[in-house]
């Protein structure tokens, strides 16, 4: 059976512990025809105004919709959930964490294009999908692709972001092939996804511009505070701080 490549994105009521998935968009590649899934869901958790500002999903858009678990797109995703297949997401821990609240535990090989991009393009000023949309001229290609697949391109819309991610993935694959010429690029992206990134310098806060090593020498207490006091500390930053502190 052919391997399937599921390029996925979600939109949610917010980013907190009690927030839930209200839109699931994904494409399934690997056969002649591309499957496109895009559904909105009702849920008991109200949409936060901050989330509404980002994705534009309002409560009236969810009236009468199925719950996530009762939807066709969710049931199809569960059918695809085998270790032969691949899940491609930009910032995978977030979306997979949200899907876990719906009972979906991924068995697929995961490619997190955010982490791969950080490995391959460490000096970029940002690694957000919308940043690469413009930096890599994806916006010039997307309408042709959207027309072919019957998709409307909107930033911060699950299926719109999936389309951009599909185009970004192709460019990222080329960069991986160029850097690791002897490796299978897909397998290499899976490997890079599970490989921590050693962050070299601060891009935020009072030590912006300094290396982690400099701060470890001059203000190690601040780094220890970050480890214990910042709940949403990026896992690569956590790994890097532990590294420079010798933990």
C-alpha atoms as a PDB file:
ATOM      1  CA  UNK A   1       0.000   0.000   0.000  1.00  0.00           C
ATOM      2  CA  UNK A   2       1.337   3.472  -0.902  1.00  0.00           C
ATOM      3  CA  UNK A   3       2.610   5.674   1.882  1.00  0.00           C
ATOM      4  CA  UNK A   4       0.394   8.637   2.659  1.00  0.00           C
ATOM      5  CA  UNK A   5       1.629  12.106   3.574  1.00  0.00           C
ATOM      6  CA  UNK A   6      -0.855  14.066   5.705  1.00  0.00           C
ATOM      7  CA  UNK A   7      -0.202  17.827   5.716  1.00  0.00           C
ATOM      8  CA  UNK A   8      -2.272  19.194   8.585  1.00  0.00           C
ATOM      9  CA  UNK A   9      -3.251  22.300  10.524  1.00  0.00           C
ATOM     10  CA  UNK A  10      -5.842  23.110  13.177  1.00  0.00           C
ATOM     11  CA  UNK A  11      -7.556  26.219  14.453  1.00  0.00           C
ATOM     12  CA  UNK A  12      -8.636  26.266  18.082  1.00  0.00           C
ATOM     13  CA  UNK A  13     -10.632  28.170  20.680  1.00  0.00           C
ATOM     14  CA  UNK A  14      -7.326  29.332  22.174  1.00  0.00           C
ATOM     15  CA  UNK A  15      -3.984  27.987  23.324  1.00  0.00           C
ATOM     16  CA  UNK A  16      -4.796  27.054  26.926  1.00  0.00           C
ATOM     17  CA  UNK A  17      -5.238  23.714  28.641  1.00  0.00           C
ATOM     18  CA  UNK A  18      -9.021  23.741  28.229  1.00  0.00           C
ATOM     19  CA  UNK A  19      -9.087  24.933  24.617  1.00  0.00           C
ATOM     20  CA  UNK A  20     -10.246  22.679  21.791  1.00  0.00           C
ATOM     21  CA  UNK A  21     -10.060  22.165  18.034  1.00  0.00           C
ATOM     22  CA  UNK A  22     -12.730  24.017  16.025  1.00  0.00           C
ATOM     23  CA  UNK A  23     -11.288  23.602  12.523  1.00  0.00           C
ATOM     24  CA  UNK A  24      -9.317  20.738  11.029  1.00  0.00           C
ATOM     25  CA  UNK A  25      -7.737  21.067   7.620  1.00  0.00           C
ATOM     26  CA  UNK A  26      -5.470  18.578   5.909  1.00  0.00           C
ATOM     27  CA  UNK A  27      -4.390  17.206   2.567  1.00  0.00           C
ATOM     28  CA  UNK A  28      -3.450  13.603   1.900  1.00  0.00           C
ATOM     29  CA  UNK A  29      -0.696  13.083  -0.676  1.00  0.00           C
ATOM     30  CA  UNK A  30       0.816   9.848  -1.925  1.00  0.00           C
ATOM     31  CA  UNK A  31      -1.633   8.755  -4.600  1.00  0.00           C
ATOM     32  CA  UNK A  32      -2.619  10.251  -7.952  1.00  0.00           C
ATOM     33  CA  UNK A  33      -5.443  12.284  -6.427  1.00  0.00           C
ATOM     34  CA  UNK A  34      -4.940  14.649  -3.490  1.00  0.00           C
ATOM     35  CA  UNK A  35      -7.534  14.353  -0.733  1.00  0.00           C
ATOM     36  CA  UNK A  36      -8.605  17.676   0.772  1.00  0.00           C
ATOM     37  CA  UNK A  37     -10.408  17.777   4.123  1.00  0.00           C
ATOM     38  CA  UNK A  38     -11.659  20.961   5.773  1.00  0.00           C
ATOM     39  CA  UNK A  39     -14.281  21.013   8.554  1.00  0.00           C
ATOM     40  CA  UNK A  40     -15.453  23.281  11.346  1.00  0.00           C
ATOM     41  CA  UNK A  41     -16.605  21.812  14.673  1.00  0.00           C
ATOM     42  CA  UNK A  42     -18.840  22.798  17.523  1.00  0.00           C
ATOM     43  CA  UNK A  43     -17.574  22.462  21.083  1.00  0.00           C
ATOM     44  CA  UNK A  44     -18.495  23.511  24.611  1.00  0.00           C
ATOM     45  CA  UNK A  45     -15.450  25.775  25.037  1.00  0.00           C
ATOM     46  CA  UNK A  46     -16.113  29.380  23.998  1.00  0.00           C
ATOM     47  CA  UNK A  47     -13.764  30.887  21.413  1.00  0.00           C
ATOM     48  CA  UNK A  48     -11.353  33.348  23.003  1.00  0.00           C
ATOM     49  CA  UNK A  49     -11.395  36.845  21.530  1.00  0.00           C
ATOM     50  CA  UNK A  50      -7.629  36.673  20.998  1.00  0.00           C
ATOM     51  CA  UNK A  51      -8.070  33.469  19.002  1.00  0.00           C
ATOM     52  CA  UNK A  52     -10.973  35.006  17.062  1.00  0.00           C
ATOM     53  CA  UNK A  53      -8.746  37.938  16.164  1.00  0.00           C
ATOM     54  CA  UNK A  54      -6.181  35.544  14.656  1.00  0.00           C
ATOM     55  CA  UNK A  55      -8.354  33.089  12.704  1.00  0.00           C
ATOM     56  CA  UNK A  56     -11.647  34.941  12.295  1.00  0.00           C
ATOM     57  CA  UNK A  57     -13.795  31.969  13.347  1.00  0.00           C
ATOM     58  CA  UNK A  58     -16.895  33.194  15.186  1.00  0.00           C
ATOM     59  CA  UNK A  59     -19.459  31.198  17.223  1.00  0.00           C
ATOM     60  CA  UNK A  60     -22.165  31.494  14.558  1.00  0.00           C
ATOM     61  CA  UNK A  61     -19.863  29.704  12.081  1.00  0.00           C
ATOM     62  CA  UNK A  62     -19.922  26.637  14.354  1.00  0.00           C
ATOM     63  CA  UNK A  63     -23.672  26.426  14.968  1.00  0.00           C
ATOM     64  CA  UNK A  64     -25.074  23.043  13.954  1.00  0.00           C
ATOM     65  CA  UNK A  65     -21.644  21.573  13.223  1.00  0.00           C
ATOM     66  CA  UNK A  66     -20.551  18.124  14.408  1.00  0.00           C
ATOM     67  CA  UNK A  67     -18.108  17.738  17.251  1.00  0.00           C
ATOM     68  CA  UNK A  68     -14.553  16.981  16.121  1.00  0.00           C
ATOM     69  CA  UNK A  69     -14.786  13.276  16.978  1.00  0.00           C
ATOM     70  CA  UNK A  70     -18.082  12.878  15.084  1.00  0.00           C
ATOM     71  CA  UNK A  71     -16.772  14.493  11.902  1.00  0.00           C
ATOM     72  CA  UNK A  72     -15.858  12.809   8.619  1.00  0.00           C
ATOM     73  CA  UNK A  73     -12.431  14.450   8.580  1.00  0.00           C
ATOM     74  CA  UNK A  74     -11.538  13.161  12.053  1.00  0.00           C
ATOM     75  CA  UNK A  75     -12.707   9.618  11.238  1.00  0.00           C
ATOM     76  CA  UNK A  76     -10.669   9.652   8.016  1.00  0.00           C
ATOM     77  CA  UNK A  77      -7.626  10.890   9.943  1.00  0.00           C
ATOM     78  CA  UNK A  78      -7.957   7.920  12.288  1.00  0.00           C
ATOM     79  CA  UNK A  79      -8.036   5.569   9.276  1.00  0.00           C
ATOM     80  CA  UNK A  80      -4.764   7.085   8.077  1.00  0.00           C
ATOM     81  CA  UNK A  81      -3.125   6.789  11.496  1.00  0.00           C
ATOM     82  CA  UNK A  82      -0.571   4.015  10.886  1.00  0.00           C
ATOM     83  CA  UNK A  83       3.195   3.930  11.250  1.00  0.00           C
ATOM     84  CA  UNK A  84       3.576   3.626   7.466  1.00  0.00           C
ATOM     85  CA  UNK A  85       2.289   7.149   6.955  1.00  0.00           C
ATOM     86  CA  UNK A  86       3.696  10.622   7.615  1.00  0.00           C
ATOM     87  CA  UNK A  87       2.200  13.629   9.408  1.00  0.00           C
ATOM     88  CA  UNK A  88       3.566  17.029   8.356  1.00  0.00           C
ATOM     89  CA  UNK A  89       2.773  20.036  10.598  1.00  0.00           C
ATOM     90  CA  UNK A  90       4.361  23.445  11.245  1.00  0.00           C
ATOM     91  CA  UNK A  91       4.851  23.452  15.029  1.00  0.00           C
ATOM     92  CA  UNK A  92       3.692  19.865  15.471  1.00  0.00           C
ATOM     93  CA  UNK A  93       3.625  19.732  19.302  1.00  0.00           C
ATOM     94  CA  UNK A  94       0.790  22.264  19.418  1.00  0.00           C
ATOM     95  CA  UNK A  95      -1.537  20.627  16.883  1.00  0.00           C
ATOM     96  CA  UNK A  96      -0.796  17.091  18.072  1.00  0.00           C
ATOM     97  CA  UNK A  97      -1.425  18.206  21.647  1.00  0.00           C
ATOM     98  CA  UNK A  98      -4.783  19.656  20.630  1.00  0.00           C
ATOM     99  CA  UNK A  99      -5.726  16.496  18.717  1.00  0.00           C
ATOM    100  CA  UNK A 100      -4.825  14.384  21.754  1.00  0.00           C
ATOM    101  CA  UNK A 101      -7.659  16.145  23.623  1.00  0.00           C
ATOM    102  CA  UNK A 102      -9.959  14.665  20.956  1.00  0.00           C
ATOM    103  CA  UNK A 103      -8.553  11.177  21.550  1.00  0.00           C
ATOM    104  CA  UNK A 104      -6.186  11.173  18.567  1.00  0.00           C
ATOM    105  CA  UNK A 105      -2.722   9.795  19.392  1.00  0.00           C
ATOM    106  CA  UNK A 106      -0.519   9.883  16.306  1.00  0.00           C
ATOM    107  CA  UNK A 107       1.178   6.667  15.185  1.00  0.00           C
ATOM    108  CA  UNK A 108       2.496   8.361  12.049  1.00  0.00           C
ATOM    109  CA  UNK A 109       6.067   9.460  11.470  1.00  0.00           C
ATOM    110  CA  UNK A 110       6.075  13.178  12.242  1.00  0.00           C
ATOM    111  CA  UNK A 111       7.773  15.946  10.279  1.00  0.00           C
ATOM    112  CA  UNK A 112       7.676  19.269  12.105  1.00  0.00           C
ATOM    113  CA  UNK A 113       8.583  21.794   9.428  1.00  0.00           C
ATOM    114  CA  UNK A 114       9.154  24.475  12.087  1.00  0.00           C
ATOM    115  CA  UNK A 115      11.918  22.477  13.758  1.00  0.00           C
ATOM    116  CA  UNK A 116      13.384  21.328  10.433  1.00  0.00           C
ATOM    117  CA  UNK A 117      13.497  24.963   9.280  1.00  0.00           C
ATOM    118  CA  UNK A 118      15.306  25.954  12.482  1.00  0.00           C
ATOM    119  CA  UNK A 119      17.912  23.264  11.793  1.00  0.00           C
ATOM    120  CA  UNK A 120      18.343  24.111   8.108  1.00  0.00           C
ATOM    121  CA  UNK A 121      17.930  27.905   8.299  1.00  0.00           C
ATOM    122  CA  UNK A 122      19.217  28.809  11.775  1.00  0.00           C
ATOM    123  CA  UNK A 123      20.003  32.446  10.949  1.00  0.00           C
ATOM    124  CA  UNK A 124      16.557  33.479   9.678  1.00  0.00           C
ATOM    125  CA  UNK A 125      14.996  36.297  11.683  1.00  0.00           C
ATOM    126  CA  UNK A 126      11.810  34.227  12.087  1.00  0.00           C
ATOM    127  CA  UNK A 127      10.603  30.703  11.328  1.00  0.00           C
ATOM    128  CA  UNK A 128       6.851  31.294  11.152  1.00  0.00           C
ATOM    129  CA  UNK A 129       4.997  29.848   8.184  1.00  0.00           C
ATOM    130  CA  UNK A 130       3.704  33.270   7.119  1.00  0.00           C
ATOM    131  CA  UNK A 131       7.277  34.623   7.212  1.00  0.00           C
ATOM    132  CA  UNK A 132       8.424  31.924   4.789  1.00  0.00           C
ATOM    133  CA  UNK A 133       5.313  32.508   2.678  1.00  0.00           C
ATOM    134  CA  UNK A 134       6.783  35.883   1.732  1.00  0.00           C
ATOM    135  CA  UNK A 135      10.513  35.205   2.132  1.00  0.00           C
ATOM    136  CA  UNK A 136      10.353  32.265  -0.293  1.00  0.00           C
ATOM    137  CA  UNK A 137       7.836  33.859  -2.705  1.00  0.00           C
ATOM    138  CA  UNK A 138       5.260  31.166  -1.950  1.00  0.00           C
ATOM    139  CA  UNK A 139       2.556  33.824  -2.197  1.00  0.00           C
ATOM    140  CA  UNK A 140       3.323  34.075  -5.935  1.00  0.00           C
ATOM    141  CA  UNK A 141       2.606  30.357  -6.463  1.00  0.00           C
ATOM    142  CA  UNK A 142      -0.262  29.708  -4.084  1.00  0.00           C
ATOM    143  CA  UNK A 143      -3.229  30.915  -6.137  1.00  0.00           C
ATOM    144  CA  UNK A 144      -2.537  28.507  -9.005  1.00  0.00           C
ATOM    145  CA  UNK A 145      -2.290  25.642  -6.505  1.00  0.00           C
ATOM    146  CA  UNK A 146      -5.410  26.807  -4.672  1.00  0.00           C
ATOM    147  CA  UNK A 147      -7.440  26.975  -7.891  1.00  0.00           C
ATOM    148  CA  UNK A 148      -6.379  23.445  -8.831  1.00  0.00           C
ATOM    149  CA  UNK A 149      -7.494  22.091  -5.450  1.00  0.00           C
ATOM    150  CA  UNK A 150     -10.564  24.275  -4.927  1.00  0.00           C
ATOM    151  CA  UNK A 151      -9.131  25.959  -1.822  1.00  0.00           C
ATOM    152  CA  UNK A 152      -9.447  29.552  -0.645  1.00  0.00           C
ATOM    153  CA  UNK A 153      -6.154  30.928   0.626  1.00  0.00           C
ATOM    154  CA  UNK A 154      -6.493  32.851   3.882  1.00  0.00           C
ATOM    155  CA  UNK A 155      -3.763  33.380   6.459  1.00  0.00           C
ATOM    156  CA  UNK A 156      -4.417  31.652   9.779  1.00  0.00           C
ATOM    157  CA  UNK A 157      -7.132  29.480   8.271  1.00  0.00           C
ATOM    158  CA  UNK A 158      -6.435  25.757   8.669  1.00  0.00           C
ATOM    159  CA  UNK A 159      -6.831  24.668   5.042  1.00  0.00           C
ATOM    160  CA  UNK A 160      -5.268  27.888   3.731  1.00  0.00           C
ATOM    161  CA  UNK A 161      -2.211  27.305   5.909  1.00  0.00           C
ATOM    162  CA  UNK A 162      -2.082  23.672   4.777  1.00  0.00           C
ATOM    163  CA  UNK A 163      -1.813  24.804   1.164  1.00  0.00           C
ATOM    164  CA  UNK A 164       1.044  27.175   2.051  1.00  0.00           C
ATOM    165  CA  UNK A 165       2.671  24.402   4.077  1.00  0.00           C
ATOM    166  CA  UNK A 166       2.499  22.046   1.094  1.00  0.00           C
ATOM    167  CA  UNK A 167       4.445  24.541  -1.021  1.00  0.00           C
ATOM    168  CA  UNK A 168       6.874  25.306   1.830  1.00  0.00           C
ATOM    169  CA  UNK A 169       7.508  21.587   2.310  1.00  0.00           C
ATOM    170  CA  UNK A 170       8.695  21.267  -1.293  1.00  0.00           C
ATOM    171  CA  UNK A 171      11.197  24.093  -0.796  1.00  0.00           C
ATOM    172  CA  UNK A 172      12.335  22.727   2.558  1.00  0.00           C
ATOM    173  CA  UNK A 173      12.853  19.285   1.015  1.00  0.00           C
ATOM    174  CA  UNK A 174      15.170  20.828  -1.604  1.00  0.00           C
ATOM    175  CA  UNK A 175      17.202  22.562   1.117  1.00  0.00           C
ATOM    176  CA  UNK A 176      17.502  19.326   3.107  1.00  0.00           C
ATOM    177  CA  UNK A 177      18.609  17.450  -0.030  1.00  0.00           C
ATOM    178  CA  UNK A 178      21.278  20.087  -0.707  1.00  0.00           C
ATOM    179  CA  UNK A 179      22.619  19.980   2.860  1.00  0.00           C
ATOM    180  CA  UNK A 180      22.420  16.195   3.320  1.00  0.00           C
ATOM    181  CA  UNK A 181      23.099  14.930  -0.191  1.00  0.00           C
ATOM    182  CA  UNK A 182      23.525  11.284   0.834  1.00  0.00           C
ATOM    183  CA  UNK A 183      20.328  11.077   2.907  1.00  0.00           C
ATOM    184  CA  UNK A 184      16.719  10.459   1.942  1.00  0.00           C
ATOM    185  CA  UNK A 185      15.255  13.963   2.508  1.00  0.00           C
ATOM    186  CA  UNK A 186      11.965  12.720   3.981  1.00  0.00           C
ATOM    187  CA  UNK A 187      13.718  10.394   6.435  1.00  0.00           C
ATOM    188  CA  UNK A 188      16.160  13.187   7.264  1.00  0.00           C
ATOM    189  CA  UNK A 189      13.294  15.569   8.068  1.00  0.00           C
ATOM    190  CA  UNK A 190      11.817  12.953  10.418  1.00  0.00           C
ATOM    191  CA  UNK A 191      15.226  12.664  12.096  1.00  0.00           C
ATOM    192  CA  UNK A 192      15.672  16.441  12.378  1.00  0.00           C
ATOM    193  CA  UNK A 193      12.206  16.713  13.902  1.00  0.00           C
ATOM    194  CA  UNK A 194      13.317  14.594  16.847  1.00  0.00           C
ATOM    195  CA  UNK A 195      16.754  16.265  17.147  1.00  0.00           C
ATOM    196  CA  UNK A 196      16.929  19.125  19.699  1.00  0.00           C
ATOM    197  CA  UNK A 197      18.287  22.465  18.502  1.00  0.00           C
ATOM    198  CA  UNK A 198      21.096  24.149  20.397  1.00  0.00           C
ATOM    199  CA  UNK A 199      20.016  27.794  20.620  1.00  0.00           C
ATOM    200  CA  UNK A 200      23.067  30.036  20.609  1.00  0.00           C
ATOM    201  CA  UNK A 201      21.744  33.462  21.558  1.00  0.00           C
ATOM    202  CA  UNK A 202      18.769  35.341  22.981  1.00  0.00           C
ATOM    203  CA  UNK A 203      16.307  36.938  20.582  1.00  0.00           C
ATOM    204  CA  UNK A 204      14.138  38.409  23.321  1.00  0.00           C
ATOM    205  CA  UNK A 205      14.184  39.759  26.872  1.00  0.00           C
ATOM    206  CA  UNK A 206      16.778  41.700  28.807  1.00  0.00           C
ATOM    207  CA  UNK A 207      19.653  39.631  27.378  1.00  0.00           C
ATOM    208  CA  UNK A 208      18.626  40.009  23.741  1.00  0.00           C
ATOM    209  CA  UNK A 209      21.680  39.685  21.471  1.00  0.00           C
ATOM    210  CA  UNK A 210      23.839  37.938  24.079  1.00  0.00           C
ATOM    211  CA  UNK A 211      24.863  34.312  23.740  1.00  0.00           C
ATOM    212  CA  UNK A 212      23.507  31.791  26.215  1.00  0.00           C
ATOM    213  CA  UNK A 213      27.088  31.050  27.223  1.00  0.00           C
ATOM    214  CA  UNK A 214      27.664  34.726  28.122  1.00  0.00           C
ATOM    215  CA  UNK A 215      24.514  34.820  30.219  1.00  0.00           C
ATOM    216  CA  UNK A 216      25.448  31.534  31.911  1.00  0.00           C
ATOM    217  CA  UNK A 217      28.660  33.220  33.065  1.00  0.00           C
ATOM    218  CA  UNK A 218      27.169  36.567  34.089  1.00  0.00           C
ATOM    219  CA  UNK A 219      23.571  35.828  35.130  1.00  0.00           C
ATOM    220  CA  UNK A 220      23.087  32.075  35.589  1.00  0.00           C
ATOM    221  CA  UNK A 221      20.260  32.779  38.053  1.00  0.00           C
ATOM    222  CA  UNK A 222      18.198  34.236  35.230  1.00  0.00           C
ATOM    223  CA  UNK A 223      18.602  31.045  33.213  1.00  0.00           C
ATOM    224  CA  UNK A 224      17.583  28.940  36.218  1.00  0.00           C
ATOM    225  CA  UNK A 225      14.537  31.162  36.674  1.00  0.00           C
ATOM    226  CA  UNK A 226      13.582  30.609  33.034  1.00  0.00           C
ATOM    227  CA  UNK A 227      13.666  26.837  33.576  1.00  0.00           C
ATOM    228  CA  UNK A 228      11.393  26.959  36.627  1.00  0.00           C
ATOM    229  CA  UNK A 229       9.374  30.153  36.094  1.00  0.00           C
ATOM    230  CA  UNK A 230       8.406  30.097  32.410  1.00  0.00           C
ATOM    231  CA  UNK A 231       5.641  27.541  31.831  1.00  0.00           C
ATOM    232  CA  UNK A 232       5.632  27.906  28.034  1.00  0.00           C
ATOM    233  CA  UNK A 233       9.404  27.893  27.577  1.00  0.00           C
ATOM    234  CA  UNK A 234      10.301  26.558  24.128  1.00  0.00           C
ATOM    235  CA  UNK A 235      11.652  22.998  24.422  1.00  0.00           C
ATOM    236  CA  UNK A 236      14.761  23.844  22.374  1.00  0.00           C
ATOM    237  CA  UNK A 237      15.505  26.812  24.638  1.00  0.00           C
ATOM    238  CA  UNK A 238      15.021  24.554  27.670  1.00  0.00           C
ATOM    239  CA  UNK A 239      17.420  22.006  26.179  1.00  0.00           C
ATOM    240  CA  UNK A 240      19.958  24.743  25.381  1.00  0.00           C
ATOM    241  CA  UNK A 241      19.821  26.318  28.847  1.00  0.00           C
ATOM    242  CA  UNK A 242      20.352  22.926  30.472  1.00  0.00           C
ATOM    243  CA  UNK A 243      23.271  22.386  28.101  1.00  0.00           C
ATOM    244  CA  UNK A 244      25.077  25.660  28.979  1.00  0.00           C
ATOM    245  CA  UNK A 245      24.391  25.137  32.703  1.00  0.00           C
ATOM    246  CA  UNK A 246      25.864  21.657  32.467  1.00  0.00           C
ATOM    247  CA  UNK A 247      22.634  19.990  33.633  1.00  0.00           C
END
